[in-house]
C-alpha atoms as a PDB file:
ATOM      1  CA  UNK A   1       2.524 -25.003  -2.218  1.00  0.00           C
ATOM      2  CA  UNK A   2       1.144 -23.810   1.242  1.00  0.00           C
ATOM      3  CA  UNK A   3      -1.353 -20.926   1.574  1.00  0.00           C
ATOM      4  CA  UNK A   4       1.293 -19.021   3.189  1.00  0.00           C
ATOM      5  CA  UNK A   5       3.666 -19.550   0.827  1.00  0.00           C
ATOM      6  CA  UNK A   6       1.219 -18.690  -2.221  1.00  0.00           C
ATOM      7  CA  UNK A   7       0.158 -15.393   0.037  1.00  0.00           C
ATOM      8  CA  UNK A   8       3.679 -13.957   0.609  1.00  0.00           C
ATOM      9  CA  UNK A   9       4.464 -15.082  -2.819  1.00  0.00           C
ATOM     10  CA  UNK A  10       1.118 -12.273  -3.981  1.00  0.00           C
ATOM     11  CA  UNK A  11       2.792  -9.516  -1.017  1.00  0.00           C
ATOM     12  CA  UNK A  12       6.147  -9.626  -3.116  1.00  0.00           C
ATOM     13  CA  UNK A  13       4.632  -9.062  -6.344  1.00  0.00           C
ATOM     14  CA  UNK A  14       2.940  -5.492  -5.031  1.00  0.00           C
ATOM     15  CA  UNK A  15       6.816  -5.033  -3.658  1.00  0.00           C
ATOM     16  CA  UNK A  16       8.113  -5.709  -7.020  1.00  0.00           C
ATOM     17  CA  UNK A  17       5.707  -3.856  -8.915  1.00  0.00           C
ATOM     18  CA  UNK A  18       6.291  -0.431  -6.298  1.00  0.00           C
ATOM     19  CA  UNK A  19       9.867  -0.556  -6.304  1.00  0.00           C
ATOM     20  CA  UNK A  20      10.255  -0.493 -10.263  1.00  0.00           C
ATOM     21  CA  UNK A  21       7.147   2.699 -10.262  1.00  0.00           C
ATOM     22  CA  UNK A  22       9.300   4.442  -7.786  1.00  0.00           C
ATOM     23  CA  UNK A  23      13.060   3.450  -9.156  1.00  0.00           C
ATOM     24  CA  UNK A  24      14.695   6.625  -9.958  1.00  0.00           C
ATOM     25  CA  UNK A  25      12.126   9.178  -9.580  1.00  0.00           C
ATOM     26  CA  UNK A  26      12.666  12.951  -8.500  1.00  0.00           C
ATOM     27  CA  UNK A  27       9.779  14.237  -6.005  1.00  0.00           C
ATOM     28  CA  UNK A  28       8.545  16.357  -8.594  1.00  0.00           C
ATOM     29  CA  UNK A  29       8.364  13.336 -10.857  1.00  0.00           C
ATOM     30  CA  UNK A  30       6.761  11.300  -7.810  1.00  0.00           C
ATOM     31  CA  UNK A  31       4.233  14.142  -7.534  1.00  0.00           C
ATOM     32  CA  UNK A  32       3.296  14.866 -11.277  1.00  0.00           C
ATOM     33  CA  UNK A  33       0.140  15.034 -12.293  1.00  0.00           C
ATOM     34  CA  UNK A  34      -1.365  13.630 -15.759  1.00  0.00           C
ATOM     35  CA  UNK A  35      -4.063  16.012 -15.137  1.00  0.00           C
ATOM     36  CA  UNK A  36      -5.246  18.910 -12.265  1.00  0.00           C
ATOM     37  CA  UNK A  37      -7.361  15.960  -9.851  1.00  0.00           C
ATOM     38  CA  UNK A  38      -5.279  12.947 -11.153  1.00  0.00           C
ATOM     39  CA  UNK A  39      -3.257  10.262  -8.554  1.00  0.00           C
ATOM     40  CA  UNK A  40       0.848  10.549  -8.565  1.00  0.00           C
ATOM     41  CA  UNK A  41       2.826   8.010  -8.167  1.00  0.00           C
ATOM     42  CA  UNK A  42       3.568   9.220  -4.873  1.00  0.00           C
ATOM     43  CA  UNK A  43       0.074   9.045  -3.463  1.00  0.00           C
ATOM     44  CA  UNK A  44      -0.985   5.718  -5.226  1.00  0.00           C
ATOM     45  CA  UNK A  45       1.950   3.689  -3.305  1.00  0.00           C
ATOM     46  CA  UNK A  46       1.209   5.399  -0.352  1.00  0.00           C
ATOM     47  CA  UNK A  47      -2.414   4.529  -0.357  1.00  0.00           C
ATOM     48  CA  UNK A  48      -1.536   1.349  -1.655  1.00  0.00           C
ATOM     49  CA  UNK A  49       0.800   0.877   1.635  1.00  0.00           C
ATOM     50  CA  UNK A  50      -1.586   2.398   3.912  1.00  0.00           C
ATOM     51  CA  UNK A  51      -4.340   0.166   3.132  1.00  0.00           C
ATOM     52  CA  UNK A  52      -1.959  -2.937   3.339  1.00  0.00           C
ATOM     53  CA  UNK A  53      -0.234  -1.771   6.476  1.00  0.00           C
ATOM     54  CA  UNK A  54      -4.004  -0.897   8.089  1.00  0.00           C
ATOM     55  CA  UNK A  55      -5.644  -4.237   6.756  1.00  0.00           C
ATOM     56  CA  UNK A  56      -3.006  -6.522   7.895  1.00  0.00           C
ATOM     57  CA  UNK A  57      -2.460  -5.425  11.225  1.00  0.00           C
ATOM     58  CA  UNK A  58      -6.318  -5.568  11.963  1.00  0.00           C
ATOM     59  CA  UNK A  59      -6.334  -8.979  11.029  1.00  0.00           C
ATOM     60  CA  UNK A  60      -3.254  -9.994  12.961  1.00  0.00           C
ATOM     61  CA  UNK A  61      -4.529  -7.642  16.167  1.00  0.00           C
ATOM     62  CA  UNK A  62      -1.101  -5.538  15.594  1.00  0.00           C
ATOM     63  CA  UNK A  63      -0.374  -1.731  15.645  1.00  0.00           C
ATOM     64  CA  UNK A  64       0.451  -0.863  12.130  1.00  0.00           C
ATOM     65  CA  UNK A  65       3.679   0.260  11.201  1.00  0.00           C
ATOM     66  CA  UNK A  66       2.578   3.819  10.272  1.00  0.00           C
ATOM     67  CA  UNK A  67       2.520   4.516  14.156  1.00  0.00           C
ATOM     68  CA  UNK A  68       4.381   2.281  15.741  1.00  0.00           C
ATOM     69  CA  UNK A  69       7.375   2.992  13.593  1.00  0.00           C
ATOM     70  CA  UNK A  70       7.141   5.906  13.366  1.00  0.00           C
ATOM     71  CA  UNK A  71       6.306   6.822  10.001  1.00  0.00           C
ATOM     72  CA  UNK A  72       3.168   9.088  10.455  1.00  0.00           C
ATOM     73  CA  UNK A  73       5.523  11.781  12.011  1.00  0.00           C
ATOM     74  CA  UNK A  74       8.228  11.179   9.238  1.00  0.00           C
ATOM     75  CA  UNK A  75       5.775  11.989   6.473  1.00  0.00           C
ATOM     76  CA  UNK A  76       4.173  14.945   8.817  1.00  0.00           C
ATOM     77  CA  UNK A  77       0.988  14.416   6.113  1.00  0.00           C
ATOM     78  CA  UNK A  78      -1.597  16.828   7.035  1.00  0.00           C
ATOM     79  CA  UNK A  79      -4.258  14.386   7.748  1.00  0.00           C
ATOM     80  CA  UNK A  80      -5.355  12.762  10.693  1.00  0.00           C
ATOM     81  CA  UNK A  81      -3.224   9.830  11.998  1.00  0.00           C
ATOM     82  CA  UNK A  82      -5.142   6.649  10.372  1.00  0.00           C
ATOM     83  CA  UNK A  83      -5.834   8.330   6.946  1.00  0.00           C
ATOM     84  CA  UNK A  84      -5.579   5.721   4.466  1.00  0.00           C
ATOM     85  CA  UNK A  85      -6.384   7.365   1.155  1.00  0.00           C
ATOM     86  CA  UNK A  86     -10.006   6.250   1.178  1.00  0.00           C
ATOM     87  CA  UNK A  87     -12.162   9.161  -0.472  1.00  0.00           C
ATOM     88  CA  UNK A  88      -9.106  11.617  -0.497  1.00  0.00           C
ATOM     89  CA  UNK A  89     -10.318  14.731  -2.561  1.00  0.00           C
ATOM     90  CA  UNK A  90      -7.446  16.181  -5.025  1.00  0.00           C
ATOM     91  CA  UNK A  91      -6.085  18.364  -3.137  1.00  0.00           C
ATOM     92  CA  UNK A  92      -5.521  16.036  -0.603  1.00  0.00           C
ATOM     93  CA  UNK A  93      -4.120  13.502  -3.442  1.00  0.00           C
ATOM     94  CA  UNK A  94      -1.559  16.585  -4.446  1.00  0.00           C
ATOM     95  CA  UNK A  95      -0.532  17.031  -0.421  1.00  0.00           C
ATOM     96  CA  UNK A  96       1.443  13.908  -0.736  1.00  0.00           C
ATOM     97  CA  UNK A  97       4.993  14.914  -1.628  1.00  0.00           C
ATOM     98  CA  UNK A  98       7.675  12.692  -0.554  1.00  0.00           C
ATOM     99  CA  UNK A  99      10.533  11.088  -2.015  1.00  0.00           C
ATOM    100  CA  UNK A 100      11.686   7.745  -3.353  1.00  0.00           C
ATOM    101  CA  UNK A 101      13.563   6.965  -0.068  1.00  0.00           C
ATOM    102  CA  UNK A 102      10.636   7.759   2.148  1.00  0.00           C
ATOM    103  CA  UNK A 103       8.153   6.066   0.317  1.00  0.00           C
ATOM    104  CA  UNK A 104      10.559   3.152  -0.721  1.00  0.00           C
ATOM    105  CA  UNK A 105      10.880   2.973   3.272  1.00  0.00           C
ATOM    106  CA  UNK A 106       7.580   2.953   4.313  1.00  0.00           C
ATOM    107  CA  UNK A 107       6.468   0.332   1.703  1.00  0.00           C
ATOM    108  CA  UNK A 108       9.301  -2.387   2.468  1.00  0.00           C
ATOM    109  CA  UNK A 109       8.523  -1.677   6.304  1.00  0.00           C
ATOM    110  CA  UNK A 110       5.083  -2.943   5.845  1.00  0.00           C
ATOM    111  CA  UNK A 111       5.525  -5.527   3.169  1.00  0.00           C
ATOM    112  CA  UNK A 112       8.712  -7.183   5.482  1.00  0.00           C
ATOM    113  CA  UNK A 113       5.861  -6.648   8.503  1.00  0.00           C
ATOM    114  CA  UNK A 114       3.459  -8.815   5.936  1.00  0.00           C
ATOM    115  CA  UNK A 115       5.463 -11.537   5.491  1.00  0.00           C
ATOM    116  CA  UNK A 116       6.350 -11.903   9.142  1.00  0.00           C
ATOM    117  CA  UNK A 117       3.030 -12.057   9.604  1.00  0.00           C
ATOM    118  CA  UNK A 118       1.849 -14.233   6.898  1.00  0.00           C
ATOM    119  CA  UNK A 119       4.585 -16.586   7.289  1.00  0.00           C
ATOM    120  CA  UNK A 120       2.667 -18.651  10.322  1.00  0.00           C
ATOM    121  CA  UNK A 121      -0.972 -18.450   8.448  1.00  0.00           C
ATOM    122  CA  UNK A 122      -2.447 -22.006   8.046  1.00  0.00           C
ATOM    123  CA  UNK A 123      -5.491 -23.033   5.938  1.00  0.00           C
ATOM    124  CA  UNK A 124      -7.869 -23.406   8.877  1.00  0.00           C
ATOM    125  CA  UNK A 125      -6.664 -19.669   9.758  1.00  0.00           C
ATOM    126  CA  UNK A 126      -8.159 -18.572   6.375  1.00  0.00           C
ATOM    127  CA  UNK A 127     -11.889 -19.089   7.318  1.00  0.00           C
ATOM    128  CA  UNK A 128     -11.141 -17.144  10.637  1.00  0.00           C
ATOM    129  CA  UNK A 129     -13.479 -14.011  10.575  1.00  0.00           C
ATOM    130  CA  UNK A 130     -11.726 -10.547  11.136  1.00  0.00           C
ATOM    131  CA  UNK A 131     -14.519  -8.190  10.036  1.00  0.00           C
ATOM    132  CA  UNK A 132     -18.331  -8.695  11.030  1.00  0.00           C
ATOM    133  CA  UNK A 133     -19.297  -5.167   9.547  1.00  0.00           C
ATOM    134  CA  UNK A 134     -19.853  -6.901   6.124  1.00  0.00           C
ATOM    135  CA  UNK A 135     -22.752  -9.374   5.542  1.00  0.00           C
ATOM    136  CA  UNK A 136     -21.374 -11.964   5.223  1.00  0.00           C
ATOM    137  CA  UNK A 137     -18.555 -11.397   7.773  1.00  0.00           C
ATOM    138  CA  UNK A 138     -14.770 -10.894   6.062  1.00  0.00           C
ATOM    139  CA  UNK A 139     -12.624 -13.708   6.660  1.00  0.00           C
ATOM    140  CA  UNK A 140      -8.817 -13.575   6.988  1.00  0.00           C
ATOM    141  CA  UNK A 141      -8.424 -14.980   3.704  1.00  0.00           C
ATOM    142  CA  UNK A 142     -11.210 -12.841   1.768  1.00  0.00           C
ATOM    143  CA  UNK A 143      -9.252  -9.881   3.292  1.00  0.00           C
ATOM    144  CA  UNK A 144      -5.590 -10.686   2.432  1.00  0.00           C
ATOM    145  CA  UNK A 145      -6.831 -11.164  -1.184  1.00  0.00           C
ATOM    146  CA  UNK A 146      -8.845  -7.912  -1.113  1.00  0.00           C
ATOM    147  CA  UNK A 147      -5.539  -6.268   0.238  1.00  0.00           C
ATOM    148  CA  UNK A 148      -3.095  -8.219  -2.879  1.00  0.00           C
ATOM    149  CA  UNK A 149      -6.091  -7.060  -4.955  1.00  0.00           C
ATOM    150  CA  UNK A 150      -6.404  -3.755  -4.532  1.00  0.00           C
ATOM    151  CA  UNK A 151      -2.282  -3.269  -3.553  1.00  0.00           C
ATOM    152  CA  UNK A 152      -1.529  -4.939  -7.356  1.00  0.00           C
ATOM    153  CA  UNK A 153      -4.039  -2.173  -8.697  1.00  0.00           C
ATOM    154  CA  UNK A 154      -2.771   0.922  -7.461  1.00  0.00           C
ATOM    155  CA  UNK A 155       0.729  -0.730  -7.988  1.00  0.00           C
ATOM    156  CA  UNK A 156       0.106  -1.128 -11.889  1.00  0.00           C
ATOM    157  CA  UNK A 157      -1.163   2.362 -11.557  1.00  0.00           C
ATOM    158  CA  UNK A 158       1.607   4.001 -10.175  1.00  0.00           C
ATOM    159  CA  UNK A 159       3.621   2.246 -13.112  1.00  0.00           C
ATOM    160  CA  UNK A 160       1.040   3.674 -15.855  1.00  0.00           C
ATOM    161  CA  UNK A 161       2.186   7.097 -14.424  1.00  0.00           C
ATOM    162  CA  UNK A 162       5.455   6.433 -14.476  1.00  0.00           C
ATOM    163  CA  UNK A 163       5.378   5.100 -18.126  1.00  0.00           C
ATOM    164  CA  UNK A 164       3.615   8.913 -18.757  1.00  0.00           C
ATOM    165  CA  UNK A 165       6.510  10.540 -17.228  1.00  0.00           C
ATOM    166  CA  UNK A 166       9.033   8.731 -18.930  1.00  0.00           C
ATOM    167  CA  UNK A 167       7.023   9.206 -22.146  1.00  0.00           C
ATOM    168  CA  UNK A 168       6.798  12.661 -21.832  1.00  0.00           C
ATOM    169  CA  UNK A 169      10.214  13.275 -20.582  1.00  0.00           C
ATOM    170  CA  UNK A 170      11.636  12.211 -24.203  1.00  0.00           C
END
């Protein structure tokens, strides 16, 4: 198996969990909070997708789907365009009220772009430094593993919240 194939598989697993977490949920369910400060399924999926979009685009020197493909305008969230959800307050989490089709559409767009970019990754390319603001500098391989880890964690959290929604509905 090539490194590119392994990475594509890992990113595909994020997509599978996201699809399962949002499937069939209404906008109210996507925005449900376990308590007044808890993250919602909508915010978790939006955030993990923004991080994937931001980090993968930066690592490959391309524009984010968020801006290039009009998602920022479609979502019309009350944040600066560059916002990814990192450090969001409880009120900002609550402001992410989206429907399933919008969330899935944006996530699929970003996931498809990641697969396209990852298809050409070679083992040597994984050693390329993509962020010198850290010590040690971050390589492409480390950045991609970080995005995968973050994406799977947040997708799992969204799946957990979905489980709470389903449990409380019965």
